[in-house]
C-alpha atoms as a PDB file:
ATOM      1  CA  MET A   1       0.000   0.000   0.000  1.00  0.00           C
ATOM      2  CA  ARG A   2       1.460   3.374  -1.002  1.00  0.00           C
ATOM      3  CA  VAL A   3       0.353   6.885  -0.092  1.00  0.00           C
ATOM      4  CA  SER A   4       2.075  10.159  -0.983  1.00  0.00           C
ATOM      5  CA  GLY A   5       2.076  13.524   0.699  1.00  0.00           C
ATOM      6  CA  ARG A   6       3.900  16.796   0.222  1.00  0.00           C
ATOM      7  CA  HIS A   7       7.105  15.752   2.030  1.00  0.00           C
ATOM      8  CA  LEU A   8       6.799  11.968   2.416  1.00  0.00           C
ATOM      9  CA  GLN A   9       5.819   8.856   0.549  1.00  0.00           C
ATOM     10  CA  VAL A  10       4.765   5.951   2.783  1.00  0.00           C
ATOM     11  CA  PHE A  11       4.700   2.275   1.856  1.00  0.00           C
ATOM     12  CA  LEU A  12       2.911  -0.019   4.304  1.00  0.00           C
ATOM     13  CA  LEU A  13       2.930  -3.811   4.295  1.00  0.00           C
ATOM     14  CA  PRO A  14       0.999  -5.495   7.107  1.00  0.00           C
ATOM     15  CA  THR A  15       2.720  -8.613   8.394  1.00  0.00           C
ATOM     16  CA  GLY A  16       1.015 -11.407  10.272  1.00  0.00           C
ATOM     17  CA  ALA A  17       2.257 -13.401  13.255  1.00  0.00           C
ATOM     18  CA  GLY A  18       2.975 -16.279  10.864  1.00  0.00           C
ATOM     19  CA  ASP A  19       5.549 -14.126   9.076  1.00  0.00           C
ATOM     20  CA  LEU A  20       7.907 -14.106  12.079  1.00  0.00           C
ATOM     21  CA  PRO A  21      10.928 -16.409  11.967  1.00  0.00           C
ATOM     22  CA  PRO A  22      10.929 -19.327  14.429  1.00  0.00           C
ATOM     23  CA  GLY A  23      12.461 -18.555  17.810  1.00  0.00           C
ATOM     24  CA  SER A  24      11.940 -14.802  17.507  1.00  0.00           C
ATOM     25  CA  ASP A  25       9.941 -12.623  19.846  1.00  0.00           C
ATOM     26  CA  SER A  26       6.307 -13.406  19.009  1.00  0.00           C
ATOM     27  CA  THR A  27       4.914  -9.997  19.984  1.00  0.00           C
ATOM     28  CA  PRO A  28       3.923  -8.031  16.886  1.00  0.00           C
ATOM     29  CA  HIS A  29       5.620  -4.702  16.364  1.00  0.00           C
ATOM     30  CA  PRO A  30       6.004  -2.316  13.446  1.00  0.00           C
ATOM     31  CA  ARG A  31       9.340  -1.993  11.663  1.00  0.00           C
ATOM     32  CA  LEU A  32      10.708   1.082   9.892  1.00  0.00           C
ATOM     33  CA  GLY A  33      12.731   1.536   6.727  1.00  0.00           C
ATOM     34  CA  LEU A  34      13.941   4.955   5.561  1.00  0.00           C
ATOM     35  CA  SER A  35      15.048   6.289   2.206  1.00  0.00           C
ATOM     36  CA  VAL A  36      16.446   9.824   2.161  1.00  0.00           C
ATOM     37  CA  PRO A  37      18.002  10.597  -1.246  1.00  0.00           C
ATOM     38  CA  ARG A  38      20.740  13.144  -1.930  1.00  0.00           C
ATOM     39  CA  ARG A  39      18.191  15.497  -3.492  1.00  0.00           C
ATOM     40  CA  VAL A  40      16.945  16.216   0.058  1.00  0.00           C
ATOM     41  CA  GLY A  41      20.196  18.040   0.798  1.00  0.00           C
ATOM     42  CA  ALA A  42      23.705  17.682   2.151  1.00  0.00           C
ATOM     43  CA  ALA A  43      24.601  14.874   4.572  1.00  0.00           C
ATOM     44  CA  VAL A  44      23.812  16.992   7.620  1.00  0.00           C
ATOM     45  CA  ILE A  45      20.295  17.701   6.377  1.00  0.00           C
ATOM     46  CA  ARG A  46      19.668  14.089   5.310  1.00  0.00           C
ATOM     47  CA  ASN A  47      20.770  12.849   8.726  1.00  0.00           C
ATOM     48  CA  ARG A  48      18.501  15.384  10.445  1.00  0.00           C
ATOM     49  CA  VAL A  49      15.550  14.172   8.346  1.00  0.00           C
ATOM     50  CA  ARG A  50      16.373  10.542   9.275  1.00  0.00           C
ATOM     51  CA  ARG A  51      16.555  11.391  12.988  1.00  0.00           C
ATOM     52  CA  ARG A  52      13.248  13.258  12.812  1.00  0.00           C
ATOM     53  CA  LEU A  53      11.497  10.423  10.975  1.00  0.00           C
ATOM     54  CA  ARG A  54      12.793   7.795  13.426  1.00  0.00           C
ATOM     55  CA  GLU A  55      11.573   9.911  16.351  1.00  0.00           C
ATOM     56  CA  ILE A  56       8.174  10.445  14.712  1.00  0.00           C
ATOM     57  CA  PHE A  57       7.871   6.692  14.131  1.00  0.00           C
ATOM     58  CA  ARG A  58       8.856   5.963  17.743  1.00  0.00           C
ATOM     59  CA  ARG A  59       6.355   8.458  19.178  1.00  0.00           C
ATOM     60  CA  ASN A  60       3.478   7.142  17.060  1.00  0.00           C
ATOM     61  CA  ARG A  61       3.697   3.381  17.459  1.00  0.00           C
ATOM     62  CA  ASP A  62       0.287   3.499  19.126  1.00  0.00           C
ATOM     63  CA  LEU A  63      -1.261   4.045  15.659  1.00  0.00           C
ATOM     64  CA  PHE A  64      -0.547   0.383  14.896  1.00  0.00           C
ATOM     65  CA  ALA A  65      -2.386  -0.879  18.036  1.00  0.00           C
ATOM     66  CA  SER A  66      -0.468  -4.153  18.524  1.00  0.00           C
ATOM     67  CA  ARG A  67      -0.480  -4.933  14.782  1.00  0.00           C
ATOM     68  CA  SER A  68       2.684  -5.816  12.979  1.00  0.00           C
ATOM     69  CA  ALA A  69       3.633  -3.910   9.829  1.00  0.00           C
ATOM     70  CA  ASP A  70       6.619  -2.928   7.746  1.00  0.00           C
ATOM     71  CA  VAL A  71       6.696   0.813   7.057  1.00  0.00           C
ATOM     72  CA  VAL A  72       9.029   2.323   4.468  1.00  0.00           C
ATOM     73  CA  ILE A  73       9.234   6.102   4.243  1.00  0.00           C
ATOM     74  CA  ASN A  74      10.725   7.853   1.232  1.00  0.00           C
ATOM     75  CA  ALA A  75      11.564  11.484   1.953  1.00  0.00           C
ATOM     76  CA  LYS A  76      10.922  13.966  -0.826  1.00  0.00           C
ATOM     77  CA  PRO A  77      13.305  16.916  -1.402  1.00  0.00           C
ATOM     78  CA  SER A  78      10.974  19.283   0.467  1.00  0.00           C
ATOM     79  CA  ALA A  79      11.383  17.212   3.672  1.00  0.00           C
ATOM     80  CA  GLY A  80      14.770  18.841   4.312  1.00  0.00           C
ATOM     81  CA  GLU A  81      13.132  22.258   4.729  1.00  0.00           C
ATOM     82  CA  ALA A  82      10.007  21.086   6.581  1.00  0.00           C
ATOM     83  CA  PRO A  83       9.650  21.748  10.316  1.00  0.00           C
ATOM     84  CA  PHE A  84       9.282  18.785  12.679  1.00  0.00           C
ATOM     85  CA  ALA A  85       5.596  19.538  13.387  1.00  0.00           C
ATOM     86  CA  GLU A  86       4.741  19.488   9.690  1.00  0.00           C
ATOM     87  CA  LEU A  87       6.505  16.135   9.169  1.00  0.00           C
ATOM     88  CA  LEU A  88       4.717  14.734  12.223  1.00  0.00           C
ATOM     89  CA  GLU A  89       1.303  15.853  10.997  1.00  0.00           C
ATOM     90  CA  GLU A  90       1.883  14.449   7.510  1.00  0.00           C
ATOM     91  CA  TYR A  91       3.205  11.115   8.827  1.00  0.00           C
ATOM     92  CA  ARG A  92       0.169  10.655  11.091  1.00  0.00           C
ATOM     93  CA  SER A  93      -2.293  11.487   8.313  1.00  0.00           C
ATOM     94  CA  LEU A  94      -0.594   9.161   5.804  1.00  0.00           C
ATOM     95  CA  ILE A  95      -0.453   6.246   8.254  1.00  0.00           C
ATOM     96  CA  GLU A  96      -4.086   6.767   9.244  1.00  0.00           C
ATOM     97  CA  LYS A  97      -5.015   6.641   5.533  1.00  0.00           C
ATOM     98  CA  THR A  98      -3.052   3.477   4.789  1.00  0.00           C
ATOM     99  CA  LEU A  99      -3.872   1.315   7.815  1.00  0.00           C
ATOM    100  CA  PRO A 100      -7.576   0.717   7.016  1.00  0.00           C
ATOM    101  CA  ARG A 101      -6.842   0.153   3.312  1.00  0.00           C
ATOM    102  CA  ALA A 102      -3.996  -2.254   4.070  1.00  0.00           C
ATOM    103  CA  ARG A 103      -6.171  -4.282   6.479  1.00  0.00           C
ATOM    104  CA  ALA A 104      -8.967  -4.550   3.910  1.00  0.00           C
ATOM    105  CA  LYS A 105      -6.552  -5.600   1.178  1.00  0.00           C
ATOM    106  CA  ARG A 106      -4.934  -8.247   3.396  1.00  0.00           C
ATOM    107  CA  LYS A 107      -8.332  -9.758   4.281  1.00  0.00           C
ATOM    108  CA  SER A 108      -9.406  -9.986   0.641  1.00  0.00           C
ATOM    109  CA  ARG A 109      -6.217 -11.727  -0.484  1.00  0.00           C
ATOM    110  CA  PRO A 110      -6.905 -15.431  -1.356  1.00  0.00           C
ATOM    111  CA  ARG A 111      -4.996 -18.057   0.579  1.00  0.00           C
END
């Protein structure tokens, strides 16, 4: 599932408990992947965007409500100039859009 905003593009793949490798912690938790290209800015700016996105992800794990999912965030060039509050607001709105759609798609998939 993919959703785009002004500063971010979010890919969400729900994972089930059966997707966990044997012997691993069986509690579901979301995982994060980040892509911040050079077009965002110099290394200092790209690293700042990565730190902000990791912190936003950490603060908003409650959105997943004990569901497991893989989240990949691609930062757009405008993310380097965006304030933290704007990134936070966009992340929350994009995740809230994708979660219901991803759940519906997963249920309709034939087994």
